[in-house]
């Protein structure tokens, strides 16, 4: 079962898509590339200039740099916001999009491909490093 977005569509066509570093679709995505597509479908702009990189410390630095410039932190999950994770502490290395119900998110990893999972259960609950929304000029 997919999660309907504001236009009444679902993300079913994204489920199971393959992971590729730097992937921006339509067949392969990295975690930020998937965020761009999901937020586009929700009618939310997401800057595409963040570049995918590999390596824990490097990803952490680039994500913090991009998030600090482009996004502001939220205290709790909001529909369509980004959620970041520390999969390899102390580094923030993963990002997904919170869905409309506020307790699920859509994301991609090499292991799971595109999937919808709950924020409040393992392995994700203890690894959340923040919720983010785009700064408006």
C-alpha atoms as a PDB file:
ATOM      1  CA  UNK A   1       0.000   0.000   0.000  1.00  0.00           C
ATOM      2  CA  UNK A   2       1.464   3.375  -1.011  1.00  0.00           C
ATOM      3  CA  UNK A   3       1.110   6.656   0.770  1.00  0.00           C
ATOM      4  CA  UNK A   4      -1.070   9.140  -1.094  1.00  0.00           C
ATOM      5  CA  UNK A   5       0.369  12.592  -1.572  1.00  0.00           C
ATOM      6  CA  UNK A   6      -1.560  15.860  -1.647  1.00  0.00           C
ATOM      7  CA  UNK A   7      -2.640  15.251  -5.230  1.00  0.00           C
ATOM      8  CA  UNK A   8      -4.101  11.867  -4.286  1.00  0.00           C
ATOM      9  CA  UNK A   9      -1.331   9.971  -6.085  1.00  0.00           C
ATOM     10  CA  UNK A  10       0.865   7.329  -4.480  1.00  0.00           C
ATOM     11  CA  UNK A  11       4.541   6.511  -4.400  1.00  0.00           C
ATOM     12  CA  UNK A  12       3.983   2.883  -5.420  1.00  0.00           C
ATOM     13  CA  UNK A  13       5.900   3.350  -8.671  1.00  0.00           C
ATOM     14  CA  UNK A  14       9.006   4.326  -6.682  1.00  0.00           C
ATOM     15  CA  UNK A  15       8.984   1.333  -4.335  1.00  0.00           C
ATOM     16  CA  UNK A  16      11.799  -1.095  -5.104  1.00  0.00           C
ATOM     17  CA  UNK A  17      13.769   1.293  -7.340  1.00  0.00           C
ATOM     18  CA  UNK A  18      17.513   0.680  -7.222  1.00  0.00           C
ATOM     19  CA  UNK A  19      20.139   2.697  -5.356  1.00  0.00           C
ATOM     20  CA  UNK A  20      22.937   4.483  -7.217  1.00  0.00           C
ATOM     21  CA  UNK A  21      25.261   7.158  -5.805  1.00  0.00           C
ATOM     22  CA  UNK A  22      24.332  10.414  -7.517  1.00  0.00           C
ATOM     23  CA  UNK A  23      21.118   8.855  -8.873  1.00  0.00           C
ATOM     24  CA  UNK A  24      18.387  11.352  -9.720  1.00  0.00           C
ATOM     25  CA  UNK A  25      15.892   8.961 -11.334  1.00  0.00           C
ATOM     26  CA  UNK A  26      13.792   7.824 -12.892  1.00  0.00           C
ATOM     27  CA  UNK A  27      15.164   4.272 -12.456  1.00  0.00           C
ATOM     28  CA  UNK A  28      17.909   4.801  -9.850  1.00  0.00           C
ATOM     29  CA  UNK A  29      18.226   7.206  -6.936  1.00  0.00           C
ATOM     30  CA  UNK A  30      20.484   8.011  -4.043  1.00  0.00           C
ATOM     31  CA  UNK A  31      18.820   9.123  -0.817  1.00  0.00           C
ATOM     32  CA  UNK A  32      18.866  12.839  -1.655  1.00  0.00           C
ATOM     33  CA  UNK A  33      17.772  12.225  -5.254  1.00  0.00           C
ATOM     34  CA  UNK A  34      14.750  10.319  -3.957  1.00  0.00           C
ATOM     35  CA  UNK A  35      13.954  13.222  -1.603  1.00  0.00           C
ATOM     36  CA  UNK A  36      13.940  15.602  -4.569  1.00  0.00           C
ATOM     37  CA  UNK A  37      11.451  13.392  -6.457  1.00  0.00           C
ATOM     38  CA  UNK A  38       9.153  12.711  -3.483  1.00  0.00           C
ATOM     39  CA  UNK A  39       9.012  16.377  -2.489  1.00  0.00           C
ATOM     40  CA  UNK A  40       8.376  17.352  -6.138  1.00  0.00           C
ATOM     41  CA  UNK A  41       5.332  15.073  -6.125  1.00  0.00           C
ATOM     42  CA  UNK A  42       4.184  16.731  -2.909  1.00  0.00           C
ATOM     43  CA  UNK A  43       4.481  20.143  -4.567  1.00  0.00           C
ATOM     44  CA  UNK A  44       7.563  21.060  -2.518  1.00  0.00           C
ATOM     45  CA  UNK A  45      10.740  22.468  -4.050  1.00  0.00           C
ATOM     46  CA  UNK A  46      14.042  20.853  -3.123  1.00  0.00           C
ATOM     47  CA  UNK A  47      17.316  22.267  -4.458  1.00  0.00           C
ATOM     48  CA  UNK A  48      19.128  19.766  -6.643  1.00  0.00           C
ATOM     49  CA  UNK A  49      22.642  21.124  -6.238  1.00  0.00           C
ATOM     50  CA  UNK A  50      23.606  18.899  -3.290  1.00  0.00           C
ATOM     51  CA  UNK A  51      26.130  16.399  -4.630  1.00  0.00           C
ATOM     52  CA  UNK A  52      26.231  12.806  -3.484  1.00  0.00           C
ATOM     53  CA  UNK A  53      29.530  11.733  -1.997  1.00  0.00           C
ATOM     54  CA  UNK A  54      30.806   8.572  -0.337  1.00  0.00           C
ATOM     55  CA  UNK A  55      32.596   8.115   2.978  1.00  0.00           C
ATOM     56  CA  UNK A  56      31.134   8.774   6.443  1.00  0.00           C
ATOM     57  CA  UNK A  57      32.879  12.020   7.432  1.00  0.00           C
ATOM     58  CA  UNK A  58      32.587  13.488   3.938  1.00  0.00           C
ATOM     59  CA  UNK A  59      28.862  12.743   3.671  1.00  0.00           C
ATOM     60  CA  UNK A  60      28.316  14.198   7.153  1.00  0.00           C
ATOM     61  CA  UNK A  61      30.146  17.402   6.259  1.00  0.00           C
ATOM     62  CA  UNK A  62      28.360  17.844   2.919  1.00  0.00           C
ATOM     63  CA  UNK A  63      24.912  17.129   4.381  1.00  0.00           C
ATOM     64  CA  UNK A  64      25.436  19.566   7.251  1.00  0.00           C
ATOM     65  CA  UNK A  65      26.743  22.176   4.822  1.00  0.00           C
ATOM     66  CA  UNK A  66      23.773  21.769   2.466  1.00  0.00           C
ATOM     67  CA  UNK A  67      21.214  21.533   5.260  1.00  0.00           C
ATOM     68  CA  UNK A  68      22.585  24.575   7.068  1.00  0.00           C
ATOM     69  CA  UNK A  69      22.479  26.711   3.940  1.00  0.00           C
ATOM     70  CA  UNK A  70      19.207  25.487   2.479  1.00  0.00           C
ATOM     71  CA  UNK A  71      17.096  24.130   5.337  1.00  0.00           C
ATOM     72  CA  UNK A  72      16.139  25.033   8.892  1.00  0.00           C
ATOM     73  CA  UNK A  73      15.645  22.494  11.700  1.00  0.00           C
ATOM     74  CA  UNK A  74      12.193  21.469  12.918  1.00  0.00           C
ATOM     75  CA  UNK A  75      11.389  20.264  16.427  1.00  0.00           C
ATOM     76  CA  UNK A  76       9.155  17.416  15.237  1.00  0.00           C
ATOM     77  CA  UNK A  77       8.325  15.632  11.988  1.00  0.00           C
ATOM     78  CA  UNK A  78       6.075  17.482   9.556  1.00  0.00           C
ATOM     79  CA  UNK A  79       4.600  16.081   6.328  1.00  0.00           C
ATOM     80  CA  UNK A  80       7.101  16.393   3.487  1.00  0.00           C
ATOM     81  CA  UNK A  81      10.043  17.467   5.646  1.00  0.00           C
ATOM     82  CA  UNK A  82      13.440  15.830   5.400  1.00  0.00           C
ATOM     83  CA  UNK A  83      14.518  13.450   8.146  1.00  0.00           C
ATOM     84  CA  UNK A  84      18.229  12.768   8.648  1.00  0.00           C
ATOM     85  CA  UNK A  85      19.858   9.778  10.309  1.00  0.00           C
ATOM     86  CA  UNK A  86      23.164   8.888  11.966  1.00  0.00           C
ATOM     87  CA  UNK A  87      23.643   5.415  10.547  1.00  0.00           C
ATOM     88  CA  UNK A  88      27.367   5.535  11.339  1.00  0.00           C
ATOM     89  CA  UNK A  89      27.687   7.707  14.468  1.00  0.00           C
ATOM     90  CA  UNK A  90      28.808  10.380  14.862  1.00  0.00           C
ATOM     91  CA  UNK A  91      28.093  11.094  11.184  1.00  0.00           C
ATOM     92  CA  UNK A  92      24.770  12.080   9.601  1.00  0.00           C
ATOM     93  CA  UNK A  93      24.790   9.950   6.462  1.00  0.00           C
ATOM     94  CA  UNK A  94      21.196   9.316   5.388  1.00  0.00           C
ATOM     95  CA  UNK A  95      18.084  11.314   4.505  1.00  0.00           C
ATOM     96  CA  UNK A  96      14.451  10.532   3.712  1.00  0.00           C
ATOM     97  CA  UNK A  97      11.081  12.316   3.492  1.00  0.00           C
ATOM     98  CA  UNK A  98       8.439  12.203   6.235  1.00  0.00           C
ATOM     99  CA  UNK A  99       5.057  11.157   4.846  1.00  0.00           C
ATOM    100  CA  UNK A 100       1.706  12.804   5.492  1.00  0.00           C
ATOM    101  CA  UNK A 101       0.895  10.646   8.527  1.00  0.00           C
ATOM    102  CA  UNK A 102       4.090  11.932  10.251  1.00  0.00           C
ATOM    103  CA  UNK A 103       5.156   8.504  11.488  1.00  0.00           C
ATOM    104  CA  UNK A 104       6.357   6.941   8.233  1.00  0.00           C
ATOM    105  CA  UNK A 105       9.044   8.020   5.804  1.00  0.00           C
ATOM    106  CA  UNK A 106      10.174   7.056   2.319  1.00  0.00           C
ATOM    107  CA  UNK A 107      13.860   6.482   1.655  1.00  0.00           C
ATOM    108  CA  UNK A 108      16.365   4.378  -0.242  1.00  0.00           C
ATOM    109  CA  UNK A 109      19.435   2.395   0.733  1.00  0.00           C
ATOM    110  CA  UNK A 110      21.519  -0.064  -1.224  1.00  0.00           C
ATOM    111  CA  UNK A 111      20.075  -2.858   0.905  1.00  0.00           C
ATOM    112  CA  UNK A 112      16.372  -1.945   0.911  1.00  0.00           C
ATOM    113  CA  UNK A 113      16.010  -0.038  -2.354  1.00  0.00           C
ATOM    114  CA  UNK A 114      13.109   2.464  -2.144  1.00  0.00           C
ATOM    115  CA  UNK A 115      10.967   1.601   0.870  1.00  0.00           C
ATOM    116  CA  UNK A 116       8.397   3.114   3.224  1.00  0.00           C
ATOM    117  CA  UNK A 117       9.169   2.486   6.888  1.00  0.00           C
ATOM    118  CA  UNK A 118       8.140   3.730  10.321  1.00  0.00           C
ATOM    119  CA  UNK A 119      10.180   6.361  12.142  1.00  0.00           C
ATOM    120  CA  UNK A 120       9.275   5.077  15.600  1.00  0.00           C
ATOM    121  CA  UNK A 121      10.713   1.559  15.425  1.00  0.00           C
ATOM    122  CA  UNK A 122      14.149   0.008  15.011  1.00  0.00           C
ATOM    123  CA  UNK A 123      16.386   0.435  13.235  1.00  0.00           C
ATOM    124  CA  UNK A 124      15.373   4.067  12.666  1.00  0.00           C
ATOM    125  CA  UNK A 125      13.983   5.421  15.962  1.00  0.00           C
ATOM    126  CA  UNK A 126      17.316   5.769  17.756  1.00  0.00           C
ATOM    127  CA  UNK A 127      19.209   7.078  14.743  1.00  0.00           C
ATOM    128  CA  UNK A 128      17.237  10.216  13.845  1.00  0.00           C
ATOM    129  CA  UNK A 129      19.515  13.266  13.839  1.00  0.00           C
ATOM    130  CA  UNK A 130      16.970  15.875  12.751  1.00  0.00           C
ATOM    131  CA  UNK A 131      13.952  17.066  10.809  1.00  0.00           C
ATOM    132  CA  UNK A 132      14.414  19.832   8.212  1.00  0.00           C
ATOM    133  CA  UNK A 133      12.406  22.169   5.987  1.00  0.00           C
ATOM    134  CA  UNK A 134      13.502  24.407   3.128  1.00  0.00           C
ATOM    135  CA  UNK A 135      14.356  28.010   3.915  1.00  0.00           C
ATOM    136  CA  UNK A 136      12.241  30.425   1.886  1.00  0.00           C
ATOM    137  CA  UNK A 137      13.902  33.523   0.464  1.00  0.00           C
END
